[in-house]
């Protein structure tokens, strides 16, 4: 993969998406009226929902779309304040010459994070979830029609994972990355295990705060292994650029694997 071939900020699609949410002609896209559970065993190639009440079919469509356009779709899950947007800003800036990126942002009530991503000149669209906070596969499907990510690219789906939103829906992604700040405590993987069970990678963020928080990093990693013994962890700090090269190498590796 290489950098993007077209400028998003000058495109008609950018005018449609800037400061707005997908499907804005019909109002904000909200995640209510659907109640699905997803189940994925480590090592499985697809991420399928247990329920068939409307989430599975759009997820399958998204998956086919990504496959046909050779797009690596990464579902980035983390609580508010875990550092998702900072991670994307740094990643896009560092690798934009090698890889073309686009982003689907989950903004509950504002487009603040979307505007931050716009500064990187990556394609970005905001999905407003309101009080619902969870994304569903149809919302992603609607967003893709406006965003139109380039072939041979990487799509980040920045997804909010909060205690009030414990169910994680399949949106058709190929990779799932969970990001956990050192400020969130050692027990969180045990209290909210589902997203760790289904993740392909765990990022432990804000390591620059380790001298100031009461946390045993080894105990945290042990708790993660109790939930998913095969889950790889990368400890990083966007502020100090620590561990970022290991994360960048992971992005490069999955991009090349997809291209093959």
C-alpha atoms as a PDB file:
ATOM      1  CA  UNK A   1       0.000   0.000   0.000  1.00  0.00           C
ATOM      2  CA  UNK A   2       1.086   3.577  -0.605  1.00  0.00           C
ATOM      3  CA  UNK A   3      -0.267   7.010   0.218  1.00  0.00           C
ATOM      4  CA  UNK A   4      -3.666   8.188  -1.009  1.00  0.00           C
ATOM      5  CA  UNK A   5      -4.090   8.962  -4.696  1.00  0.00           C
ATOM      6  CA  UNK A   6      -6.741  11.672  -4.315  1.00  0.00           C
ATOM      7  CA  UNK A   7      -7.171  14.645  -1.998  1.00  0.00           C
ATOM      8  CA  UNK A   8     -10.153  14.144   0.296  1.00  0.00           C
ATOM      9  CA  UNK A   9     -10.476  17.809   1.302  1.00  0.00           C
ATOM     10  CA  UNK A  10     -11.253  18.796  -2.305  1.00  0.00           C
ATOM     11  CA  UNK A  11     -13.712  16.018  -3.047  1.00  0.00           C
ATOM     12  CA  UNK A  12     -17.534  16.213  -3.228  1.00  0.00           C
ATOM     13  CA  UNK A  13     -17.703  13.430  -0.628  1.00  0.00           C
ATOM     14  CA  UNK A  14     -15.778  15.608   1.815  1.00  0.00           C
ATOM     15  CA  UNK A  15     -18.344  18.374   1.406  1.00  0.00           C
ATOM     16  CA  UNK A  16     -21.087  15.874   2.253  1.00  0.00           C
ATOM     17  CA  UNK A  17     -19.352  14.529   5.343  1.00  0.00           C
ATOM     18  CA  UNK A  18     -17.643  17.585   6.826  1.00  0.00           C
ATOM     19  CA  UNK A  19     -19.080  18.263  10.258  1.00  0.00           C
ATOM     20  CA  UNK A  20     -21.999  15.927   9.612  1.00  0.00           C
ATOM     21  CA  UNK A  21     -22.989  12.354  10.207  1.00  0.00           C
ATOM     22  CA  UNK A  22     -23.728   9.567   7.745  1.00  0.00           C
ATOM     23  CA  UNK A  23     -27.289   9.561   6.423  1.00  0.00           C
ATOM     24  CA  UNK A  24     -27.764  13.178   7.597  1.00  0.00           C
ATOM     25  CA  UNK A  25     -30.611  13.727   5.157  1.00  0.00           C
ATOM     26  CA  UNK A  26     -32.649  11.506   7.432  1.00  0.00           C
ATOM     27  CA  UNK A  27     -31.181  12.838  10.674  1.00  0.00           C
ATOM     28  CA  UNK A  28     -28.439  11.377  12.817  1.00  0.00           C
ATOM     29  CA  UNK A  29     -27.728   7.676  12.709  1.00  0.00           C
ATOM     30  CA  UNK A  30     -28.641   6.301  16.133  1.00  0.00           C
ATOM     31  CA  UNK A  31     -27.799   2.921  17.625  1.00  0.00           C
ATOM     32  CA  UNK A  32     -31.121   1.958  19.193  1.00  0.00           C
ATOM     33  CA  UNK A  33     -33.809  -0.488  17.963  1.00  0.00           C
ATOM     34  CA  UNK A  34     -31.144  -3.202  17.495  1.00  0.00           C
ATOM     35  CA  UNK A  35     -29.986  -5.686  20.089  1.00  0.00           C
ATOM     36  CA  UNK A  36     -27.431  -8.175  18.855  1.00  0.00           C
ATOM     37  CA  UNK A  37     -24.600 -10.092  20.418  1.00  0.00           C
ATOM     38  CA  UNK A  38     -21.478 -11.154  18.620  1.00  0.00           C
ATOM     39  CA  UNK A  39     -19.280 -14.093  19.237  1.00  0.00           C
ATOM     40  CA  UNK A  40     -15.852 -14.705  17.857  1.00  0.00           C
ATOM     41  CA  UNK A  41     -13.416 -17.364  18.931  1.00  0.00           C
ATOM     42  CA  UNK A  42      -9.715 -16.435  18.810  1.00  0.00           C
ATOM     43  CA  UNK A  43      -8.265 -17.435  15.462  1.00  0.00           C
ATOM     44  CA  UNK A  44     -11.540 -17.468  13.548  1.00  0.00           C
ATOM     45  CA  UNK A  45     -11.531 -15.693  10.193  1.00  0.00           C
ATOM     46  CA  UNK A  46     -14.911 -14.008  10.481  1.00  0.00           C
ATOM     47  CA  UNK A  47     -16.728 -12.151  13.200  1.00  0.00           C
ATOM     48  CA  UNK A  48     -20.319 -13.290  13.257  1.00  0.00           C
ATOM     49  CA  UNK A  49     -23.220 -12.175  15.424  1.00  0.00           C
ATOM     50  CA  UNK A  50     -25.176 -14.709  17.423  1.00  0.00           C
ATOM     51  CA  UNK A  51     -28.436 -12.936  16.656  1.00  0.00           C
ATOM     52  CA  UNK A  52     -29.928 -12.584  13.175  1.00  0.00           C
ATOM     53  CA  UNK A  53     -32.144  -9.570  13.908  1.00  0.00           C
ATOM     54  CA  UNK A  54     -30.657  -7.272  11.291  1.00  0.00           C
ATOM     55  CA  UNK A  55     -26.969  -6.833  12.087  1.00  0.00           C
ATOM     56  CA  UNK A  56     -25.548  -9.900  10.338  1.00  0.00           C
ATOM     57  CA  UNK A  57     -26.520  -9.072   6.756  1.00  0.00           C
ATOM     58  CA  UNK A  58     -25.070  -5.531   6.680  1.00  0.00           C
ATOM     59  CA  UNK A  59     -21.941  -6.876   8.417  1.00  0.00           C
ATOM     60  CA  UNK A  60     -21.539  -9.466   5.656  1.00  0.00           C
ATOM     61  CA  UNK A  61     -22.011  -6.743   3.044  1.00  0.00           C
ATOM     62  CA  UNK A  62     -19.352  -4.617   4.695  1.00  0.00           C
ATOM     63  CA  UNK A  63     -16.981  -7.571   4.830  1.00  0.00           C
ATOM     64  CA  UNK A  64     -17.497  -8.248   1.110  1.00  0.00           C
ATOM     65  CA  UNK A  65     -16.959  -4.552   0.344  1.00  0.00           C
ATOM     66  CA  UNK A  66     -13.662  -4.522   2.240  1.00  0.00           C
ATOM     67  CA  UNK A  67     -12.481  -7.730   0.587  1.00  0.00           C
ATOM     68  CA  UNK A  68     -13.394  -6.582  -2.917  1.00  0.00           C
ATOM     69  CA  UNK A  69     -11.562  -3.263  -2.522  1.00  0.00           C
ATOM     70  CA  UNK A  70      -8.605  -4.741  -0.620  1.00  0.00           C
ATOM     71  CA  UNK A  71      -9.312  -2.544   2.413  1.00  0.00           C
ATOM     72  CA  UNK A  72      -8.069  -3.480   5.876  1.00  0.00           C
ATOM     73  CA  UNK A  73     -10.857  -2.468   8.268  1.00  0.00           C
ATOM     74  CA  UNK A  74      -9.721  -2.084  11.886  1.00  0.00           C
ATOM     75  CA  UNK A  75     -12.290  -1.702  14.650  1.00  0.00           C
ATOM     76  CA  UNK A  76     -10.525   0.373  17.330  1.00  0.00           C
ATOM     77  CA  UNK A  77     -12.324  -0.065  20.647  1.00  0.00           C
ATOM     78  CA  UNK A  78     -11.682   1.911  23.781  1.00  0.00           C
ATOM     79  CA  UNK A  79     -13.278   3.994  26.495  1.00  0.00           C
ATOM     80  CA  UNK A  80     -13.565   7.743  26.264  1.00  0.00           C
ATOM     81  CA  UNK A  81     -10.171   9.195  27.189  1.00  0.00           C
ATOM     82  CA  UNK A  82      -8.213   6.032  26.348  1.00  0.00           C
ATOM     83  CA  UNK A  83      -6.327   7.868  23.609  1.00  0.00           C
ATOM     84  CA  UNK A  84      -7.999   6.575  20.437  1.00  0.00           C
ATOM     85  CA  UNK A  85      -8.008   9.855  18.530  1.00  0.00           C
ATOM     86  CA  UNK A  86      -4.448  10.755  19.557  1.00  0.00           C
ATOM     87  CA  UNK A  87      -3.335   7.319  18.377  1.00  0.00           C
ATOM     88  CA  UNK A  88      -4.989   7.838  14.988  1.00  0.00           C
ATOM     89  CA  UNK A  89      -3.541  11.332  14.598  1.00  0.00           C
ATOM     90  CA  UNK A  90      -0.028  10.044  15.224  1.00  0.00           C
ATOM     91  CA  UNK A  91      -0.469   6.937  13.077  1.00  0.00           C
ATOM     92  CA  UNK A  92      -1.865   8.749  10.043  1.00  0.00           C
ATOM     93  CA  UNK A  93       0.790  11.455  10.249  1.00  0.00           C
ATOM     94  CA  UNK A  94       3.626   8.941  10.572  1.00  0.00           C
ATOM     95  CA  UNK A  95       2.505   6.499   7.866  1.00  0.00           C
ATOM     96  CA  UNK A  96       0.586   8.650   5.387  1.00  0.00           C
ATOM     97  CA  UNK A  97       3.425   8.410   2.879  1.00  0.00           C
ATOM     98  CA  UNK A  98       3.195   4.611   2.927  1.00  0.00           C
ATOM     99  CA  UNK A  99      -0.467   3.832   3.522  1.00  0.00           C
ATOM    100  CA  UNK A 100      -3.716   5.511   2.567  1.00  0.00           C
ATOM    101  CA  UNK A 101      -5.997   5.918   5.603  1.00  0.00           C
ATOM    102  CA  UNK A 102      -9.636   6.731   6.121  1.00  0.00           C
ATOM    103  CA  UNK A 103     -11.539   6.987   9.400  1.00  0.00           C
ATOM    104  CA  UNK A 104     -15.086   6.466  10.623  1.00  0.00           C
ATOM    105  CA  UNK A 105     -15.383   8.436  13.867  1.00  0.00           C
ATOM    106  CA  UNK A 106     -17.897   7.736  16.622  1.00  0.00           C
ATOM    107  CA  UNK A 107     -18.926  11.094  18.063  1.00  0.00           C
ATOM    108  CA  UNK A 108     -21.752  10.849  20.567  1.00  0.00           C
ATOM    109  CA  UNK A 109     -22.850  14.470  20.566  1.00  0.00           C
ATOM    110  CA  UNK A 110     -20.174  16.516  18.787  1.00  0.00           C
ATOM    111  CA  UNK A 111     -17.703  16.370  15.923  1.00  0.00           C
ATOM    112  CA  UNK A 112     -14.642  17.430  17.920  1.00  0.00           C
ATOM    113  CA  UNK A 113     -12.663  14.231  17.274  1.00  0.00           C
ATOM    114  CA  UNK A 114     -13.649  14.291  13.605  1.00  0.00           C
ATOM    115  CA  UNK A 115     -12.199  17.770  13.219  1.00  0.00           C
ATOM    116  CA  UNK A 116      -8.945  16.559  14.783  1.00  0.00           C
ATOM    117  CA  UNK A 117      -8.709  13.787  12.181  1.00  0.00           C
ATOM    118  CA  UNK A 118      -9.525  16.245   9.394  1.00  0.00           C
ATOM    119  CA  UNK A 119      -6.306  18.074  10.287  1.00  0.00           C
ATOM    120  CA  UNK A 120      -4.358  15.005   9.113  1.00  0.00           C
ATOM    121  CA  UNK A 121      -6.063  15.301   5.670  1.00  0.00           C
ATOM    122  CA  UNK A 122      -7.318  11.715   5.903  1.00  0.00           C
ATOM    123  CA  UNK A 123     -10.799  10.860   4.690  1.00  0.00           C
ATOM    124  CA  UNK A 124     -13.092  10.984   7.722  1.00  0.00           C
ATOM    125  CA  UNK A 125     -16.789  10.851   8.488  1.00  0.00           C
ATOM    126  CA  UNK A 126     -18.588  11.273  11.802  1.00  0.00           C
ATOM    127  CA  UNK A 127     -21.233   8.875  13.073  1.00  0.00           C
ATOM    128  CA  UNK A 128     -23.397  10.380  15.792  1.00  0.00           C
ATOM    129  CA  UNK A 129     -24.626   7.752  18.208  1.00  0.00           C
ATOM    130  CA  UNK A 130     -26.158  10.060  20.795  1.00  0.00           C
ATOM    131  CA  UNK A 131     -26.832   8.242  24.046  1.00  0.00           C
ATOM    132  CA  UNK A 132     -26.657   4.858  22.280  1.00  0.00           C
ATOM    133  CA  UNK A 133     -22.829   4.927  21.889  1.00  0.00           C
ATOM    134  CA  UNK A 134     -22.612   1.565  20.057  1.00  0.00           C
ATOM    135  CA  UNK A 135     -22.095   1.185  16.307  1.00  0.00           C
ATOM    136  CA  UNK A 136     -24.081  -1.245  14.179  1.00  0.00           C
ATOM    137  CA  UNK A 137     -23.128  -2.699  10.819  1.00  0.00           C
ATOM    138  CA  UNK A 138     -25.796  -0.752   8.889  1.00  0.00           C
ATOM    139  CA  UNK A 139     -24.393   2.511  10.228  1.00  0.00           C
ATOM    140  CA  UNK A 140     -20.991   1.550   8.833  1.00  0.00           C
ATOM    141  CA  UNK A 141     -22.611   0.554   5.535  1.00  0.00           C
ATOM    142  CA  UNK A 142     -24.279   3.964   5.267  1.00  0.00           C
ATOM    143  CA  UNK A 143     -21.028   5.742   6.121  1.00  0.00           C
ATOM    144  CA  UNK A 144     -19.057   3.848   3.471  1.00  0.00           C
ATOM    145  CA  UNK A 145     -21.378   5.141   0.747  1.00  0.00           C
ATOM    146  CA  UNK A 146     -20.293   8.691   1.576  1.00  0.00           C
ATOM    147  CA  UNK A 147     -16.716   8.086   2.697  1.00  0.00           C
ATOM    148  CA  UNK A 148     -15.755   5.879  -0.273  1.00  0.00           C
ATOM    149  CA  UNK A 149     -12.347   4.771   1.060  1.00  0.00           C
ATOM    150  CA  UNK A 150      -9.732   4.123  -1.591  1.00  0.00           C
ATOM    151  CA  UNK A 151      -8.797   0.665  -2.795  1.00  0.00           C
ATOM    152  CA  UNK A 152      -5.728  -0.866  -1.121  1.00  0.00           C
ATOM    153  CA  UNK A 153      -6.136   1.257   2.010  1.00  0.00           C
ATOM    154  CA  UNK A 154      -6.613   1.013   5.770  1.00  0.00           C
ATOM    155  CA  UNK A 155      -9.916   2.040   7.355  1.00  0.00           C
ATOM    156  CA  UNK A 156     -10.050   2.804  11.076  1.00  0.00           C
ATOM    157  CA  UNK A 157     -13.430   2.550  12.778  1.00  0.00           C
ATOM    158  CA  UNK A 158     -13.024   4.484  16.030  1.00  0.00           C
ATOM    159  CA  UNK A 159     -15.531   2.806  18.323  1.00  0.00           C
ATOM    160  CA  UNK A 160     -16.534   3.687  21.864  1.00  0.00           C
ATOM    161  CA  UNK A 161     -16.411   0.843  24.375  1.00  0.00           C
ATOM    162  CA  UNK A 162     -17.985   1.913  27.656  1.00  0.00           C
ATOM    163  CA  UNK A 163     -19.423   0.139  30.698  1.00  0.00           C
ATOM    164  CA  UNK A 164     -22.903   1.157  29.555  1.00  0.00           C
ATOM    165  CA  UNK A 165     -22.263  -0.423  26.144  1.00  0.00           C
ATOM    166  CA  UNK A 166     -21.048  -3.935  26.949  1.00  0.00           C
ATOM    167  CA  UNK A 167     -22.297  -5.634  23.771  1.00  0.00           C
ATOM    168  CA  UNK A 168     -19.893  -5.479  20.834  1.00  0.00           C
ATOM    169  CA  UNK A 169     -21.466  -5.766  17.424  1.00  0.00           C
ATOM    170  CA  UNK A 170     -19.865  -7.220  14.338  1.00  0.00           C
ATOM    171  CA  UNK A 171     -19.500  -4.419  11.787  1.00  0.00           C
ATOM    172  CA  UNK A 172     -17.608  -6.486   9.207  1.00  0.00           C
ATOM    173  CA  UNK A 173     -14.082  -5.548  10.302  1.00  0.00           C
ATOM    174  CA  UNK A 174     -11.086  -7.802   9.672  1.00  0.00           C
ATOM    175  CA  UNK A 175      -9.146  -6.737  12.763  1.00  0.00           C
ATOM    176  CA  UNK A 176     -10.220  -5.655  16.219  1.00  0.00           C
ATOM    177  CA  UNK A 177      -7.890  -3.599  18.413  1.00  0.00           C
ATOM    178  CA  UNK A 178      -8.700  -2.675  22.006  1.00  0.00           C
ATOM    179  CA  UNK A 179      -6.964   0.295  23.609  1.00  0.00           C
ATOM    180  CA  UNK A 180      -6.723   0.569  27.399  1.00  0.00           C
ATOM    181  CA  UNK A 181      -5.201   3.497  29.268  1.00  0.00           C
ATOM    182  CA  UNK A 182      -3.015   2.835  32.310  1.00  0.00           C
ATOM    183  CA  UNK A 183      -5.400   5.127  34.209  1.00  0.00           C
ATOM    184  CA  UNK A 184      -8.274   2.652  33.811  1.00  0.00           C
ATOM    185  CA  UNK A 185      -6.932   0.163  36.349  1.00  0.00           C
ATOM    186  CA  UNK A 186      -5.680  -3.411  36.467  1.00  0.00           C
ATOM    187  CA  UNK A 187      -9.062  -5.124  36.852  1.00  0.00           C
ATOM    188  CA  UNK A 188     -10.840  -3.776  33.783  1.00  0.00           C
ATOM    189  CA  UNK A 189     -10.088  -6.788  31.543  1.00  0.00           C
ATOM    190  CA  UNK A 190     -11.714  -9.038  34.144  1.00  0.00           C
ATOM    191  CA  UNK A 191     -14.710  -6.773  34.716  1.00  0.00           C
ATOM    192  CA  UNK A 192     -15.388  -6.187  30.983  1.00  0.00           C
ATOM    193  CA  UNK A 193     -13.805  -9.243  29.321  1.00  0.00           C
ATOM    194  CA  UNK A 194     -15.773  -9.422  26.065  1.00  0.00           C
ATOM    195  CA  UNK A 195     -13.755  -6.956  24.017  1.00  0.00           C
ATOM    196  CA  UNK A 196     -10.497  -8.591  25.146  1.00  0.00           C
ATOM    197  CA  UNK A 197     -11.784 -12.043  24.217  1.00  0.00           C
ATOM    198  CA  UNK A 198     -12.527 -10.901  20.680  1.00  0.00           C
ATOM    199  CA  UNK A 199      -9.520  -8.618  20.115  1.00  0.00           C
ATOM    200  CA  UNK A 200      -6.574  -9.236  17.803  1.00  0.00           C
ATOM    201  CA  UNK A 201      -4.327  -6.735  19.600  1.00  0.00           C
ATOM    202  CA  UNK A 202      -4.344  -4.805  22.880  1.00  0.00           C
ATOM    203  CA  UNK A 203      -2.737  -1.380  23.178  1.00  0.00           C
ATOM    204  CA  UNK A 204      -1.912  -0.210  26.706  1.00  0.00           C
ATOM    205  CA  UNK A 205      -1.790   3.546  26.254  1.00  0.00           C
ATOM    206  CA  UNK A 206      -0.505   6.604  28.122  1.00  0.00           C
ATOM    207  CA  UNK A 207       2.547   4.829  29.512  1.00  0.00           C
ATOM    208  CA  UNK A 208       4.014   8.285  30.218  1.00  0.00           C
ATOM    209  CA  UNK A 209       1.598   8.425  33.185  1.00  0.00           C
ATOM    210  CA  UNK A 210       2.949   5.262  34.828  1.00  0.00           C
ATOM    211  CA  UNK A 211       5.054   7.198  37.378  1.00  0.00           C
ATOM    212  CA  UNK A 212       1.913   8.999  38.539  1.00  0.00           C
ATOM    213  CA  UNK A 213      -0.687   6.218  38.790  1.00  0.00           C
ATOM    214  CA  UNK A 214      -0.987   3.310  41.180  1.00  0.00           C
ATOM    215  CA  UNK A 215      -0.909   0.393  38.757  1.00  0.00           C
ATOM    216  CA  UNK A 216       1.061  -2.828  38.446  1.00  0.00           C
ATOM    217  CA  UNK A 217       1.665  -3.225  34.725  1.00  0.00           C
ATOM    218  CA  UNK A 218       2.577  -6.904  34.989  1.00  0.00           C
ATOM    219  CA  UNK A 219      -0.603  -7.598  36.957  1.00  0.00           C
ATOM    220  CA  UNK A 220      -2.627  -5.813  34.281  1.00  0.00           C
ATOM    221  CA  UNK A 221      -1.043  -7.919  31.537  1.00  0.00           C
ATOM    222  CA  UNK A 222      -1.655 -11.075  33.602  1.00  0.00           C
ATOM    223  CA  UNK A 223      -5.346 -10.186  33.830  1.00  0.00           C
ATOM    224  CA  UNK A 224      -5.483  -9.673  30.078  1.00  0.00           C
ATOM    225  CA  UNK A 225      -3.932 -13.128  29.584  1.00  0.00           C
ATOM    226  CA  UNK A 226      -6.565 -14.647  31.899  1.00  0.00           C
ATOM    227  CA  UNK A 227      -9.201 -13.459  29.445  1.00  0.00           C
ATOM    228  CA  UNK A 228      -7.269 -14.116  26.217  1.00  0.00           C
ATOM    229  CA  UNK A 229      -3.942 -15.863  26.594  1.00  0.00           C
ATOM    230  CA  UNK A 230      -3.049 -15.292  22.930  1.00  0.00           C
ATOM    231  CA  UNK A 231      -3.667 -11.551  22.924  1.00  0.00           C
ATOM    232  CA  UNK A 232      -0.570  -9.539  22.101  1.00  0.00           C
ATOM    233  CA  UNK A 233      -0.068  -6.326  24.084  1.00  0.00           C
ATOM    234  CA  UNK A 234       1.848  -3.221  23.041  1.00  0.00           C
ATOM    235  CA  UNK A 235       2.645  -0.603  25.679  1.00  0.00           C
ATOM    236  CA  UNK A 236       2.840   2.866  24.181  1.00  0.00           C
ATOM    237  CA  UNK A 237       2.728   6.609  24.713  1.00  0.00           C
ATOM    238  CA  UNK A 238       1.694   8.975  21.941  1.00  0.00           C
ATOM    239  CA  UNK A 239       3.074  11.887  23.932  1.00  0.00           C
ATOM    240  CA  UNK A 240       6.585  10.413  24.262  1.00  0.00           C
ATOM    241  CA  UNK A 241       6.445   8.320  21.066  1.00  0.00           C
ATOM    242  CA  UNK A 242       7.218   5.211  23.115  1.00  0.00           C
ATOM    243  CA  UNK A 243       6.128   1.886  21.631  1.00  0.00           C
ATOM    244  CA  UNK A 244       4.731   3.609  18.555  1.00  0.00           C
ATOM    245  CA  UNK A 245       7.150   1.944  16.133  1.00  0.00           C
ATOM    246  CA  UNK A 246       5.957  -1.479  17.280  1.00  0.00           C
ATOM    247  CA  UNK A 247       2.362  -0.392  16.590  1.00  0.00           C
ATOM    248  CA  UNK A 248       3.344   1.059  13.201  1.00  0.00           C
ATOM    249  CA  UNK A 249       5.058  -2.203  12.289  1.00  0.00           C
ATOM    250  CA  UNK A 250       1.864  -4.099  13.145  1.00  0.00           C
ATOM    251  CA  UNK A 251      -0.111  -1.805  10.808  1.00  0.00           C
ATOM    252  CA  UNK A 252       2.456  -2.253   8.060  1.00  0.00           C
ATOM    253  CA  UNK A 253       2.381  -6.038   8.470  1.00  0.00           C
ATOM    254  CA  UNK A 254      -1.391  -6.425   8.196  1.00  0.00           C
ATOM    255  CA  UNK A 255      -1.462  -4.026   5.213  1.00  0.00           C
ATOM    256  CA  UNK A 256       1.085  -6.132   3.355  1.00  0.00           C
ATOM    257  CA  UNK A 257      -0.679  -9.373   4.266  1.00  0.00           C
ATOM    258  CA  UNK A 258      -3.926  -7.982   2.916  1.00  0.00           C
ATOM    259  CA  UNK A 259      -2.292  -6.783  -0.278  1.00  0.00           C
ATOM    260  CA  UNK A 260      -1.036 -10.298  -0.967  1.00  0.00           C
END
